[in-house]
Amino acid sequence: MARAAHKEDFTVDVEGIGTFKFGRRTQRDVYKIRGLYSKLTGDNWKEDGTVGDMEAWMYSMLEVMTVEFPDNFSLSKLDPLTDPENDDRLSLVYMALRQKELSFRAGAQKEGSGESAGSDR
């Protein structure tokens, strides 16, 4: 289920997939993402506190942050058994979202100098 729309929402175009609408991340969203990830993976965290399953982390982030999916994309219909590009699509959307989020920061980081995946833990 997509999150409720708010005036702070923003769109991200993902080449070959479509346009997504996301909410601005709040601290509450961070907790929701962590909670969903823990629920999906049975608390699969590495010793250093980073995620143990990157695909589950990307899924969790998209589940929490997405207001509107393109018509041809559905998290609930992803099928890793019949679609070998499943993880690639998740990764493309995740990276597009992270790049857009990083651009909101004061003194936005230059391309290629971004955070590592899952670093908001």
PDB file of N, CA and C in Angstrom:
ATOM      1  N   MET A   1       0.838  -1.178   0.000  1.00  0.00           N
ATOM      2  CA  MET A   1       0.000   0.000   0.000  1.00  0.00           C
ATOM      3  C   MET A   1       0.885   1.244   0.000  1.00  0.00           C
ATOM      4  N   ALA A   2       0.599   2.162  -0.905  1.00  0.00           N
ATOM      5  CA  ALA A   2       1.387   3.382  -1.005  1.00  0.00           C
ATOM      6  C   ALA A   2       1.065   4.320   0.154  1.00  0.00           C
ATOM      7  N   ARG A   3       2.020   5.132   0.527  1.00  0.00           N
ATOM      8  CA  ARG A   3       1.820   6.078   1.626  1.00  0.00           C
ATOM      9  C   ARG A   3       0.942   7.236   1.178  1.00  0.00           C
ATOM     10  N   ALA A   4       0.389   7.944   2.117  1.00  0.00           N
ATOM     11  CA  ALA A   4      -0.487   9.082   1.825  1.00  0.00           C
ATOM     12  C   ALA A   4       0.307  10.218   1.180  1.00  0.00           C
ATOM     13  N   ALA A   5      -0.329  10.930   0.283  1.00  0.00           N
ATOM     14  CA  ALA A   5       0.313  12.041  -0.414  1.00  0.00           C
ATOM     15  C   ALA A   5       0.391  13.268   0.499  1.00  0.00           C
ATOM     16  N   HIS A   6       1.485  14.043   0.317  1.00  0.00           N
ATOM     17  CA  HIS A   6       1.695  15.291   1.048  1.00  0.00           C
ATOM     18  C   HIS A   6       2.309  16.311   0.099  1.00  0.00           C
ATOM     19  N   LYS A   7       2.252  17.575   0.469  1.00  0.00           N
ATOM     20  CA  LYS A   7       2.770  18.627  -0.408  1.00  0.00           C
ATOM     21  C   LYS A   7       4.282  18.534  -0.616  1.00  0.00           C
ATOM     22  N   GLU A   8       5.013  17.870   0.276  1.00  0.00           N
ATOM     23  CA  GLU A   8       6.467  17.751   0.154  1.00  0.00           C
ATOM     24  C   GLU A   8       6.893  16.615  -0.772  1.00  0.00           C
ATOM     25  N   ASP A   9       5.943  15.844  -1.305  1.00  0.00           N
ATOM     26  CA  ASP A   9       6.272  14.713  -2.169  1.00  0.00           C
ATOM     27  C   ASP A   9       7.059  15.174  -3.392  1.00  0.00           C
ATOM     28  N   PHE A  10       7.816  14.271  -3.962  1.00  0.00           N
ATOM     29  CA  PHE A  10       8.615  14.572  -5.142  1.00  0.00           C
ATOM     30  C   PHE A  10       8.589  13.376  -6.088  1.00  0.00           C
ATOM     31  N   THR A  11       8.881  13.626  -7.346  1.00  0.00           N
ATOM     32  CA  THR A  11       8.897  12.551  -8.330  1.00  0.00           C
ATOM     33  C   THR A  11      10.322  12.239  -8.757  1.00  0.00           C
ATOM     34  N   VAL A  12      10.501  10.999  -9.160  1.00  0.00           N
ATOM     35  CA  VAL A  12      11.790  10.531  -9.668  1.00  0.00           C
ATOM     36  C   VAL A  12      11.504   9.689 -10.907  1.00  0.00           C
ATOM     37  N   ASP A  13      12.142  10.054 -12.008  1.00  0.00           N
ATOM     38  CA  ASP A  13      12.027   9.265 -13.235  1.00  0.00           C
ATOM     39  C   ASP A  13      13.135   8.223 -13.252  1.00  0.00           C
ATOM     40  N   VAL A  14      12.750   6.970 -13.443  1.00  0.00           N
ATOM     41  CA  VAL A  14      13.717   5.881 -13.507  1.00  0.00           C
ATOM     42  C   VAL A  14      13.669   5.329 -14.927  1.00  0.00           C
ATOM     43  N   GLU A  15      14.764   5.508 -15.638  1.00  0.00           N
ATOM     44  CA  GLU A  15      14.819   5.111 -17.042  1.00  0.00           C
ATOM     45  C   GLU A  15      14.434   3.649 -17.223  1.00  0.00           C
ATOM     46  N   GLY A  16      13.549   3.418 -18.168  1.00  0.00           N
ATOM     47  CA  GLY A  16      13.116   2.066 -18.493  1.00  0.00           C
ATOM     48  C   GLY A  16      12.057   1.499 -17.557  1.00  0.00           C
ATOM     49  N   ILE A  17      11.725   2.250 -16.497  1.00  0.00           N
ATOM     50  CA  ILE A  17      10.735   1.752 -15.536  1.00  0.00           C
ATOM     51  C   ILE A  17       9.558   2.712 -15.430  1.00  0.00           C
ATOM     52  N   GLY A  18       9.812   3.980 -15.177  1.00  0.00           N
ATOM     53  CA  GLY A  18       8.736   4.948 -15.090  1.00  0.00           C
ATOM     54  C   GLY A  18       8.974   6.006 -14.033  1.00  0.00           C
ATOM     55  N   THR A  19       7.928   6.751 -13.735  1.00  0.00           N
ATOM     56  CA  THR A  19       7.997   7.844 -12.772  1.00  0.00           C
ATOM     57  C   THR A  19       7.364   7.415 -11.457  1.00  0.00           C
ATOM     58  N   PHE A  20       8.115   7.587 -10.395  1.00  0.00           N
ATOM     59  CA  PHE A  20       7.681   7.255  -9.042  1.00  0.00           C
ATOM     60  C   PHE A  20       7.462   8.554  -8.284  1.00  0.00           C
ATOM     61  N   LYS A  21       6.518   8.532  -7.363  1.00  0.00           N
ATOM     62  CA  LYS A  21       6.327   9.666  -6.457  1.00  0.00           C
ATOM     63  C   LYS A  21       6.665   9.170  -5.053  1.00  0.00           C
ATOM     64  N   PHE A  22       7.554   9.898  -4.387  1.00  0.00           N
ATOM     65  CA  PHE A  22       8.013   9.533  -3.058  1.00  0.00           C
ATOM     66  C   PHE A  22       7.706  10.642  -2.066  1.00  0.00           C
ATOM     67  N   GLY A  23       7.590  10.253  -0.805  1.00  0.00           N
ATOM     68  CA  GLY A  23       7.461  11.215   0.276  1.00  0.00           C
ATOM     69  C   GLY A  23       8.830  11.623   0.777  1.00  0.00           C
ATOM     70  N   ARG A  24       8.903  12.826   1.360  1.00  0.00           N
ATOM     71  CA  ARG A  24      10.145  13.252   2.006  1.00  0.00           C
ATOM     72  C   ARG A  24      10.354  12.404   3.244  1.00  0.00           C
ATOM     73  N   ARG A  25      11.559  11.911   3.415  1.00  0.00           N
ATOM     74  CA  ARG A  25      11.857  11.017   4.530  1.00  0.00           C
ATOM     75  C   ARG A  25      11.856  11.771   5.851  1.00  0.00           C
ATOM     76  N   THR A  26      11.204  11.161   6.814  1.00  0.00           N
ATOM     77  CA  THR A  26      11.203  11.680   8.172  1.00  0.00           C
ATOM     78  C   THR A  26      11.896  10.656   9.076  1.00  0.00           C
ATOM     79  N   GLN A  27      12.161  11.046  10.302  1.00  0.00           N
ATOM     80  CA  GLN A  27      12.768  10.107  11.242  1.00  0.00           C
ATOM     81  C   GLN A  27      11.846   8.904  11.452  1.00  0.00           C
ATOM     82  N   ARG A  28      10.563   9.165  11.485  1.00  0.00           N
ATOM     83  CA  ARG A  28       9.589   8.072  11.628  1.00  0.00           C
ATOM     84  C   ARG A  28       9.719   7.073  10.476  1.00  0.00           C
ATOM     85  N   ASP A  29       9.955   7.582   9.265  1.00  0.00           N
ATOM     86  CA  ASP A  29      10.154   6.696   8.112  1.00  0.00           C
ATOM     87  C   ASP A  29      11.376   5.803   8.296  1.00  0.00           C
ATOM     88  N   VAL A  30      12.437   6.368   8.849  1.00  0.00           N
ATOM     89  CA  VAL A  30      13.649   5.578   9.112  1.00  0.00           C
ATOM     90  C   VAL A  30      13.305   4.385  10.000  1.00  0.00           C
ATOM     91  N   TYR A  31      12.536   4.625  11.044  1.00  0.00           N
ATOM     92  CA  TYR A  31      12.147   3.537  11.947  1.00  0.00           C
ATOM     93  C   TYR A  31      11.247   2.531  11.245  1.00  0.00           C
ATOM     94  N   LYS A  32      10.342   3.018  10.398  1.00  0.00           N
ATOM     95  CA  LYS A  32       9.467   2.114   9.660  1.00  0.00           C
ATOM     96  C   LYS A  32      10.265   1.227   8.703  1.00  0.00           C
ATOM     97  N   ILE A  33      11.239   1.818   8.029  1.00  0.00           N
ATOM     98  CA  ILE A  33      12.081   1.053   7.096  1.00  0.00           C
ATOM     99  C   ILE A  33      12.845  -0.019   7.863  1.00  0.00           C
ATOM    100  N   ARG A  34      13.469   0.360   8.976  1.00  0.00           N
ATOM    101  CA  ARG A  34      14.198  -0.615   9.797  1.00  0.00           C
ATOM    102  C   ARG A  34      13.275  -1.729  10.284  1.00  0.00           C
ATOM    103  N   GLY A  35      12.077  -1.347  10.752  1.00  0.00           N
ATOM    104  CA  GLY A  35      11.134  -2.328  11.269  1.00  0.00           C
ATOM    105  C   GLY A  35      10.668  -3.305  10.206  1.00  0.00           C
ATOM    106  N   LEU A  36      10.343  -2.796   9.019  1.00  0.00           N
ATOM    107  CA  LEU A  36       9.912  -3.678   7.936  1.00  0.00           C
ATOM    108  C   LEU A  36      11.047  -4.596   7.513  1.00  0.00           C
ATOM    109  N   TYR A  37      12.251  -4.036   7.389  1.00  0.00           N
ATOM    110  CA  TYR A  37      13.408  -4.858   7.041  1.00  0.00           C
ATOM    111  C   TYR A  37      13.594  -5.981   8.065  1.00  0.00           C
ATOM    112  N   SER A  38      13.541  -5.654   9.339  1.00  0.00           N
ATOM    113  CA  SER A  38      13.709  -6.664  10.395  1.00  0.00           C
ATOM    114  C   SER A  38      12.629  -7.733  10.314  1.00  0.00           C
ATOM    115  N   LYS A  39      11.413  -7.295  10.052  1.00  0.00           N
ATOM    116  CA  LYS A  39      10.299  -8.244   9.942  1.00  0.00           C
ATOM    117  C   LYS A  39      10.480  -9.173   8.739  1.00  0.00           C
ATOM    118  N   LEU A  40      10.887  -8.613   7.611  1.00  0.00           N
ATOM    119  CA  LEU A  40      11.059  -9.412   6.395  1.00  0.00           C
ATOM    120  C   LEU A  40      12.222 -10.391   6.493  1.00  0.00           C
ATOM    121  N   THR A  41      13.277  -9.998   7.192  1.00  0.00           N
ATOM    122  CA  THR A  41      14.500 -10.806   7.197  1.00  0.00           C
ATOM    123  C   THR A  41      14.764 -11.525   8.509  1.00  0.00           C
ATOM    124  N   GLY A  42      13.912 -11.332   9.489  1.00  0.00           N
ATOM    125  CA  GLY A  42      14.176 -11.946  10.786  1.00  0.00           C
ATOM    126  C   GLY A  42      15.396 -11.341  11.458  1.00  0.00           C
ATOM    127  N   ASP A  43      15.516 -10.014  11.372  1.00  0.00           N
ATOM    128  CA  ASP A  43      16.634  -9.274  11.974  1.00  0.00           C
ATOM    129  C   ASP A  43      17.988  -9.647  11.389  1.00  0.00           C
ATOM    130  N   ASN A  44      18.064  -9.697  10.085  1.00  0.00           N
ATOM    131  CA  ASN A  44      19.305 -10.047   9.398  1.00  0.00           C
ATOM    132  C   ASN A  44      20.224  -8.831   9.266  1.00  0.00           C
ATOM    133  N   TRP A  45      20.870  -8.462  10.374  1.00  0.00           N
ATOM    134  CA  TRP A  45      21.839  -7.366  10.396  1.00  0.00           C
ATOM    135  C   TRP A  45      23.240  -7.956  10.549  1.00  0.00           C
ATOM    136  N   LYS A  46      24.217  -7.318   9.937  1.00  0.00           N
ATOM    137  CA  LYS A  46      25.604  -7.736  10.117  1.00  0.00           C
ATOM    138  C   LYS A  46      26.095  -7.256  11.481  1.00  0.00           C
ATOM    139  N   GLU A  47      27.231  -7.783  11.923  1.00  0.00           N
ATOM    140  CA  GLU A  47      27.792  -7.399  13.231  1.00  0.00           C
ATOM    141  C   GLU A  47      28.033  -5.897  13.349  1.00  0.00           C
ATOM    142  N   ASP A  48      28.384  -5.250  12.231  1.00  0.00           N
ATOM    143  CA  ASP A  48      28.661  -3.814  12.274  1.00  0.00           C
ATOM    144  C   ASP A  48      27.391  -2.964  12.186  1.00  0.00           C
ATOM    145  N   GLY A  49      26.214  -3.611  12.167  1.00  0.00           N
ATOM    146  CA  GLY A  49      24.954  -2.887  12.160  1.00  0.00           C
ATOM    147  C   GLY A  49      24.407  -2.554  10.783  1.00  0.00           C
ATOM    148  N   THR A  50      25.111  -2.974   9.735  1.00  0.00           N
ATOM    149  CA  THR A  50      24.607  -2.731   8.384  1.00  0.00           C
ATOM    150  C   THR A  50      23.703  -3.880   7.954  1.00  0.00           C
ATOM    151  N   VAL A  51      22.985  -3.657   6.873  1.00  0.00           N
ATOM    152  CA  VAL A  51      22.021  -4.660   6.410  1.00  0.00           C
ATOM    153  C   VAL A  51      22.708  -5.906   5.884  1.00  0.00           C
ATOM    154  N   GLY A  52      22.071  -7.044   6.126  1.00  0.00           N
ATOM    155  CA  GLY A  52      22.598  -8.315   5.654  1.00  0.00           C
ATOM    156  C   GLY A  52      21.992  -8.760   4.339  1.00  0.00           C
ATOM    157  N   ASP A  53      20.889  -8.134   3.920  1.00  0.00           N
ATOM    158  CA  ASP A  53      20.189  -8.501   2.693  1.00  0.00           C
ATOM    159  C   ASP A  53      19.780  -7.213   1.984  1.00  0.00           C
ATOM    160  N   MET A  54      20.587  -6.788   1.036  1.00  0.00           N
ATOM    161  CA  MET A  54      20.375  -5.504   0.382  1.00  0.00           C
ATOM    162  C   MET A  54      19.058  -5.453  -0.387  1.00  0.00           C
ATOM    163  N   GLU A  55      18.653  -6.533  -1.013  1.00  0.00           N
ATOM    164  CA  GLU A  55      17.390  -6.529  -1.750  1.00  0.00           C
ATOM    165  C   GLU A  55      16.215  -6.284  -0.806  1.00  0.00           C
ATOM    166  N   ALA A  56      16.252  -6.899   0.375  1.00  0.00           N
ATOM    167  CA  ALA A  56      15.186  -6.682   1.360  1.00  0.00           C
ATOM    168  C   ALA A  56      15.209  -5.238   1.860  1.00  0.00           C
ATOM    169  N   TRP A  57      16.394  -4.652   1.998  1.00  0.00           N
ATOM    170  CA  TRP A  57      16.496  -3.250   2.413  1.00  0.00           C
ATOM    171  C   TRP A  57      15.879  -2.338   1.359  1.00  0.00           C
ATOM    172  N   MET A  58      16.201  -2.574   0.075  1.00  0.00           N
ATOM    173  CA  MET A  58      15.652  -1.758  -1.003  1.00  0.00           C
ATOM    174  C   MET A  58      14.132  -1.889  -1.044  1.00  0.00           C
ATOM    175  N   TYR A  59      13.644  -3.109  -0.928  1.00  0.00           N
ATOM    176  CA  TYR A  59      12.207  -3.363  -0.909  1.00  0.00           C
ATOM    177  C   TYR A  59      11.549  -2.592   0.244  1.00  0.00           C
ATOM    178  N   SER A  60      12.143  -2.681   1.418  1.00  0.00           N
ATOM    179  CA  SER A  60      11.593  -2.004   2.601  1.00  0.00           C
ATOM    180  C   SER A  60      11.540  -0.498   2.402  1.00  0.00           C
ATOM    181  N   MET A  61      12.596   0.060   1.861  1.00  0.00           N
ATOM    182  CA  MET A  61      12.632   1.498   1.641  1.00  0.00           C
ATOM    183  C   MET A  61      11.557   1.920   0.646  1.00  0.00           C
ATOM    184  N   LEU A  62      11.420   1.180  -0.445  1.00  0.00           N
ATOM    185  CA  LEU A  62      10.421   1.534  -1.447  1.00  0.00           C
ATOM    186  C   LEU A  62       9.006   1.357  -0.902  1.00  0.00           C
ATOM    187  N   GLU A  63       8.802   0.327  -0.111  1.00  0.00           N
ATOM    188  CA  GLU A  63       7.480   0.090   0.487  1.00  0.00           C
ATOM    189  C   GLU A  63       7.078   1.262   1.387  1.00  0.00           C
ATOM    190  N   VAL A  64       7.997   1.778   2.145  1.00  0.00           N
ATOM    191  CA  VAL A  64       7.703   2.860   3.092  1.00  0.00           C
ATOM    192  C   VAL A  64       7.648   4.222   2.409  1.00  0.00           C
ATOM    193  N   MET A  65       8.508   4.485   1.467  1.00  0.00           N
ATOM    194  CA  MET A  65       8.667   5.835   0.919  1.00  0.00           C
ATOM    195  C   MET A  65       7.796   6.151  -0.297  1.00  0.00           C
ATOM    196  N   THR A  66       7.250   5.144  -0.976  1.00  0.00           N
ATOM    197  CA  THR A  66       6.538   5.385  -2.231  1.00  0.00           C
ATOM    198  C   THR A  66       5.105   5.845  -2.012  1.00  0.00           C
ATOM    199  N   VAL A  67       4.770   6.945  -2.654  1.00  0.00           N
ATOM    200  CA  VAL A  67       3.416   7.474  -2.667  1.00  0.00           C
ATOM    201  C   VAL A  67       2.664   6.905  -3.873  1.00  0.00           C
ATOM    202  N   GLU A  68       3.366   6.844  -5.011  1.00  0.00           N
ATOM    203  CA  GLU A  68       2.729   6.385  -6.248  1.00  0.00           C
ATOM    204  C   GLU A  68       3.748   5.661  -7.122  1.00  0.00           C
ATOM    205  N   PHE A  69       3.390   4.454  -7.514  1.00  0.00           N
ATOM    206  CA  PHE A  69       4.217   3.649  -8.409  1.00  0.00           C
ATOM    207  C   PHE A  69       3.769   3.873  -9.853  1.00  0.00           C
ATOM    208  N   PRO A  70       4.676   3.692 -10.832  1.00  0.00           N
ATOM    209  CA  PRO A  70       4.220   3.701 -12.226  1.00  0.00           C
ATOM    210  C   PRO A  70       3.274   2.502 -12.442  1.00  0.00           C
ATOM    211  N   ASP A  71       2.425   2.601 -13.439  1.00  0.00           N
ATOM    212  CA  ASP A  71       1.447   1.538 -13.700  1.00  0.00           C
ATOM    213  C   ASP A  71       2.085   0.168 -13.925  1.00  0.00           C
ATOM    214  N   ASN A  72       3.291   0.147 -14.458  1.00  0.00           N
ATOM    215  CA  ASN A  72       3.935  -1.130 -14.801  1.00  0.00           C
ATOM    216  C   ASN A  72       4.851  -1.675 -13.706  1.00  0.00           C
ATOM    217  N   PHE A  73       4.757  -1.133 -12.487  1.00  0.00           N
ATOM    218  CA  PHE A  73       5.648  -1.561 -11.410  1.00  0.00           C
ATOM    219  C   PHE A  73       4.831  -1.787 -10.137  1.00  0.00           C
ATOM    220  N   SER A  74       5.027  -2.950  -9.522  1.00  0.00           N
ATOM    221  CA  SER A  74       4.328  -3.263  -8.287  1.00  0.00           C
ATOM    222  C   SER A  74       5.238  -4.098  -7.394  1.00  0.00           C
ATOM    223  N   LEU A  75       5.495  -3.620  -6.202  1.00  0.00           N
ATOM    224  CA  LEU A  75       6.316  -4.395  -5.272  1.00  0.00           C
ATOM    225  C   LEU A  75       5.669  -5.734  -4.948  1.00  0.00           C
ATOM    226  N   SER A  76       4.364  -5.749  -4.794  1.00  0.00           N
ATOM    227  CA  SER A  76       3.673  -6.980  -4.413  1.00  0.00           C
ATOM    228  C   SER A  76       3.647  -8.023  -5.523  1.00  0.00           C
ATOM    229  N   LYS A  77       3.932  -7.609  -6.752  1.00  0.00           N
ATOM    230  CA  LYS A  77       3.908  -8.554  -7.868  1.00  0.00           C
ATOM    231  C   LYS A  77       5.293  -8.928  -8.372  1.00  0.00           C
ATOM    232  N   LEU A  78       6.335  -8.497  -7.686  1.00  0.00           N
ATOM    233  CA  LEU A  78       7.687  -8.886  -8.096  1.00  0.00           C
ATOM    234  C   LEU A  78       7.822 -10.394  -7.958  1.00  0.00           C
ATOM    235  N   ASP A  79       8.362 -11.032  -8.976  1.00  0.00           N
ATOM    236  CA  ASP A  79       8.495 -12.488  -8.973  1.00  0.00           C
ATOM    237  C   ASP A  79       9.934 -12.880  -9.296  1.00  0.00           C
ATOM    238  N   PRO A  80      10.734 -13.142  -8.270  1.00  0.00           N
ATOM    239  CA  PRO A  80      12.144 -13.461  -8.499  1.00  0.00           C
ATOM    240  C   PRO A  80      12.358 -14.791  -9.218  1.00  0.00           C
ATOM    241  N   LEU A  81      11.377 -15.646  -9.249  1.00  0.00           N
ATOM    242  CA  LEU A  81      11.526 -16.939  -9.921  1.00  0.00           C
ATOM    243  C   LEU A  81      11.349 -16.841 -11.424  1.00  0.00           C
ATOM    244  N   THR A  82      10.526 -15.900 -11.878  1.00  0.00           N
ATOM    245  CA  THR A  82      10.282 -15.777 -13.318  1.00  0.00           C
ATOM    246  C   THR A  82      10.912 -14.533 -13.926  1.00  0.00           C
ATOM    247  N   ASP A  83      11.432 -13.638 -13.106  1.00  0.00           N
ATOM    248  CA  ASP A  83      11.998 -12.392 -13.610  1.00  0.00           C
ATOM    249  C   ASP A  83      13.433 -12.221 -13.114  1.00  0.00           C
ATOM    250  N   PRO A  84      14.404 -12.611 -13.945  1.00  0.00           N
ATOM    251  CA  PRO A  84      15.806 -12.519 -13.517  1.00  0.00           C
ATOM    252  C   PRO A  84      16.308 -11.080 -13.339  1.00  0.00           C
ATOM    253  N   GLU A  85      15.562 -10.097 -13.831  1.00  0.00           N
ATOM    254  CA  GLU A  85      15.966  -8.692 -13.700  1.00  0.00           C
ATOM    255  C   GLU A  85      15.295  -8.001 -12.514  1.00  0.00           C
ATOM    256  N   ASN A  86      14.638  -8.784 -11.709  1.00  0.00           N
ATOM    257  CA  ASN A  86      13.929  -8.288 -10.533  1.00  0.00           C
ATOM    258  C   ASN A  86      14.826  -7.416  -9.642  1.00  0.00           C
ATOM    259  N   ASP A  87      15.958  -7.955  -9.225  1.00  0.00           N
ATOM    260  CA  ASP A  87      16.869  -7.224  -8.335  1.00  0.00           C
ATOM    261  C   ASP A  87      17.449  -5.989  -9.010  1.00  0.00           C
ATOM    262  N   ASP A  88      17.694  -6.075 -10.315  1.00  0.00           N
ATOM    263  CA  ASP A  88      18.218  -4.922 -11.040  1.00  0.00           C
ATOM    264  C   ASP A  88      17.225  -3.762 -11.026  1.00  0.00           C
ATOM    265  N   ARG A  89      15.948  -4.064 -11.216  1.00  0.00           N
ATOM    266  CA  ARG A  89      14.923  -3.015 -11.195  1.00  0.00           C
ATOM    267  C   ARG A  89      14.812  -2.399  -9.798  1.00  0.00           C
ATOM    268  N   LEU A  90      14.803  -3.243  -8.787  1.00  0.00           N
ATOM    269  CA  LEU A  90      14.773  -2.722  -7.413  1.00  0.00           C
ATOM    270  C   LEU A  90      15.952  -1.782  -7.173  1.00  0.00           C
ATOM    271  N   SER A  91      17.110  -2.210  -7.619  1.00  0.00           N
ATOM    272  CA  SER A  91      18.323  -1.421  -7.420  1.00  0.00           C
ATOM    273  C   SER A  91      18.261  -0.083  -8.161  1.00  0.00           C
ATOM    274  N   LEU A  92      17.767  -0.085  -9.385  1.00  0.00           N
ATOM    275  CA  LEU A  92      17.663   1.159 -10.156  1.00  0.00           C
ATOM    276  C   LEU A  92      16.742   2.166  -9.465  1.00  0.00           C
ATOM    277  N   VAL A  93      15.606   1.696  -8.989  1.00  0.00           N
ATOM    278  CA  VAL A  93      14.662   2.590  -8.323  1.00  0.00           C
ATOM    279  C   VAL A  93      15.248   3.084  -7.000  1.00  0.00           C
ATOM    280  N   TYR A  94      15.835   2.172  -6.244  1.00  0.00           N
ATOM    281  CA  TYR A  94      16.455   2.534  -4.963  1.00  0.00           C
ATOM    282  C   TYR A  94      17.536   3.606  -5.157  1.00  0.00           C
ATOM    283  N   MET A  95      18.411   3.386  -6.126  1.00  0.00           N
ATOM    284  CA  MET A  95      19.510   4.337  -6.351  1.00  0.00           C
ATOM    285  C   MET A  95      18.983   5.694  -6.829  1.00  0.00           C
ATOM    286  N   ALA A  96      17.956   5.692  -7.664  1.00  0.00           N
ATOM    287  CA  ALA A  96      17.376   6.954  -8.122  1.00  0.00           C
ATOM    288  C   ALA A  96      16.775   7.719  -6.941  1.00  0.00           C
ATOM    289  N   LEU A  97      16.090   7.010  -6.053  1.00  0.00           N
ATOM    290  CA  LEU A  97      15.532   7.640  -4.860  1.00  0.00           C
ATOM    291  C   LEU A  97      16.644   8.199  -3.981  1.00  0.00           C
ATOM    292  N   ARG A  98      17.673   7.427  -3.716  1.00  0.00           N
ATOM    293  CA  ARG A  98      18.766   7.889  -2.845  1.00  0.00           C
ATOM    294  C   ARG A  98      19.470   9.110  -3.432  1.00  0.00           C
ATOM    295  N   GLN A  99      19.702   9.108  -4.745  1.00  0.00           N
ATOM    296  CA  GLN A  99      20.360  10.258  -5.367  1.00  0.00           C
ATOM    297  C   GLN A  99      19.498  11.517  -5.217  1.00  0.00           C
ATOM    298  N   LYS A 100      18.209  11.377  -5.397  1.00  0.00           N
ATOM    299  CA  LYS A 100      17.308  12.525  -5.247  1.00  0.00           C
ATOM    300  C   LYS A 100      17.301  13.001  -3.795  1.00  0.00           C
ATOM    301  N   GLU A 101      17.236  12.057  -2.854  1.00  0.00           N
ATOM    302  CA  GLU A 101      17.257  12.444  -1.441  1.00  0.00           C
ATOM    303  C   GLU A 101      18.552  13.173  -1.083  1.00  0.00           C
ATOM    304  N   LEU A 102      19.667  12.694  -1.578  1.00  0.00           N
ATOM    305  CA  LEU A 102      20.942  13.345  -1.291  1.00  0.00           C
ATOM    306  C   LEU A 102      20.989  14.764  -1.865  1.00  0.00           C
ATOM    307  N   SER A 103      20.284  14.990  -2.971  1.00  0.00           N
ATOM    308  CA  SER A 103      20.287  16.315  -3.590  1.00  0.00           C
ATOM    309  C   SER A 103      19.548  17.345  -2.735  1.00  0.00           C
ATOM    310  N   PHE A 104      18.727  16.904  -1.779  1.00  0.00           N
ATOM    311  CA  PHE A 104      18.001  17.817  -0.910  1.00  0.00           C
ATOM    312  C   PHE A 104      18.868  18.392   0.199  1.00  0.00           C
ATOM    313  N   ARG A 105      19.975  17.764   0.463  1.00  0.00           N
ATOM    314  CA  ARG A 105      20.826  18.203   1.568  1.00  0.00           C
ATOM    315  C   ARG A 105      21.524  19.512   1.236  1.00  0.00           C
ATOM    316  N   ALA A 106      21.718  20.333   2.250  1.00  0.00           N
ATOM    317  CA  ALA A 106      22.456  21.583   2.052  1.00  0.00           C
ATOM    318  C   ALA A 106      23.855  21.234   1.564  1.00  0.00           C
ATOM    319  N   GLY A 107      24.315  21.931   0.521  1.00  0.00           N
ATOM    320  CA  GLY A 107      25.631  21.630  -0.033  1.00  0.00           C
ATOM    321  C   GLY A 107      25.651  20.225  -0.607  1.00  0.00           C
ATOM    322  N   ALA A 108      24.611  19.867  -1.369  1.00  0.00           N
ATOM    323  CA  ALA A 108      24.448  18.509  -1.897  1.00  0.00           C
ATOM    324  C   ALA A 108      25.770  17.940  -2.391  1.00  0.00           C
ATOM    325  N   GLN A 109      25.967  16.674  -2.094  1.00  0.00           N
ATOM    326  CA  GLN A 109      27.201  15.988  -2.465  1.00  0.00           C
ATOM    327  C   GLN A 109      27.319  15.892  -3.972  1.00  0.00           C
ATOM    328  N   LYS A 110      28.554  15.923  -4.437  1.00  0.00           N
ATOM    329  CA  LYS A 110      28.803  15.754  -5.857  1.00  0.00           C
ATOM    330  C   LYS A 110      28.545  14.312  -6.241  1.00  0.00           C
ATOM    331  N   GLU A 111      28.149  14.126  -7.493  1.00  0.00           N
ATOM    332  CA  GLU A 111      27.854  12.790  -7.992  1.00  0.00           C
ATOM    333  C   GLU A 111      29.018  11.847  -7.727  1.00  0.00           C
ATOM    334  N   GLY A 112      28.694  10.653  -7.230  1.00  0.00           N
ATOM    335  CA  GLY A 112      29.709   9.649  -6.964  1.00  0.00           C
ATOM    336  C   GLY A 112      30.288   9.720  -5.572  1.00  0.00           C
ATOM    337  N   SER A 113      29.935  10.750  -4.790  1.00  0.00           N
ATOM    338  CA  SER A 113      30.483  10.853  -3.442  1.00  0.00           C
ATOM    339  C   SER A 113      29.419  10.569  -2.393  1.00  0.00           C
ATOM    340  N   GLY A 114      28.360   9.877  -2.792  1.00  0.00           N
ATOM    341  CA  GLY A 114      27.226   9.619  -1.906  1.00  0.00           C
ATOM    342  C   GLY A 114      27.518   8.604  -0.829  1.00  0.00           C
ATOM    343  N   GLU A 115      26.531   8.408   0.025  1.00  0.00           N
ATOM    344  CA  GLU A 115      26.629   7.457   1.119  1.00  0.00           C
ATOM    345  C   GLU A 115      26.563   6.035   0.605  1.00  0.00           C
ATOM    346  N   SER A 116      26.983   5.123   1.437  1.00  0.00           N
ATOM    347  CA  SER A 116      26.841   3.718   1.076  1.00  0.00           C
ATOM    348  C   SER A 116      25.407   3.287   1.347  1.00  0.00           C
ATOM    349  N   ALA A 117      24.984   2.223   0.698  1.00  0.00           N
ATOM    350  CA  ALA A 117      23.617   1.737   0.825  1.00  0.00           C
ATOM    351  C   ALA A 117      23.310   1.375   2.267  1.00  0.00           C
ATOM    352  N   GLY A 118      22.118   1.716   2.677  1.00  0.00           N
ATOM    353  CA  GLY A 118      21.680   1.354   4.018  1.00  0.00           C
ATOM    354  C   GLY A 118      22.341   2.146   5.127  1.00  0.00           C
ATOM    355  N   SER A 119      22.996   3.254   4.785  1.00  0.00           N
ATOM    356  CA  SER A 119      23.748   3.986   5.803  1.00  0.00           C
ATOM    357  C   SER A 119      22.879   4.842   6.705  1.00  0.00           C
ATOM    358  N   ASP A 120      21.560   4.803   6.501  1.00  0.00           N
ATOM    359  CA  ASP A 120      20.710   5.580   7.389  1.00  0.00           C
ATOM    360  C   ASP A 120      20.301   4.790   8.616  1.00  0.00           C
ATOM    361  N   ARG A 121      20.933   3.658   8.834  1.00  0.00           N
ATOM    362  CA  ARG A 121      20.686   2.823  10.016  1.00  0.00           C
ATOM    363  C   ARG A 121      21.356   3.440  11.200  1.00  0.00           C
TER     364      ARG A 121
END
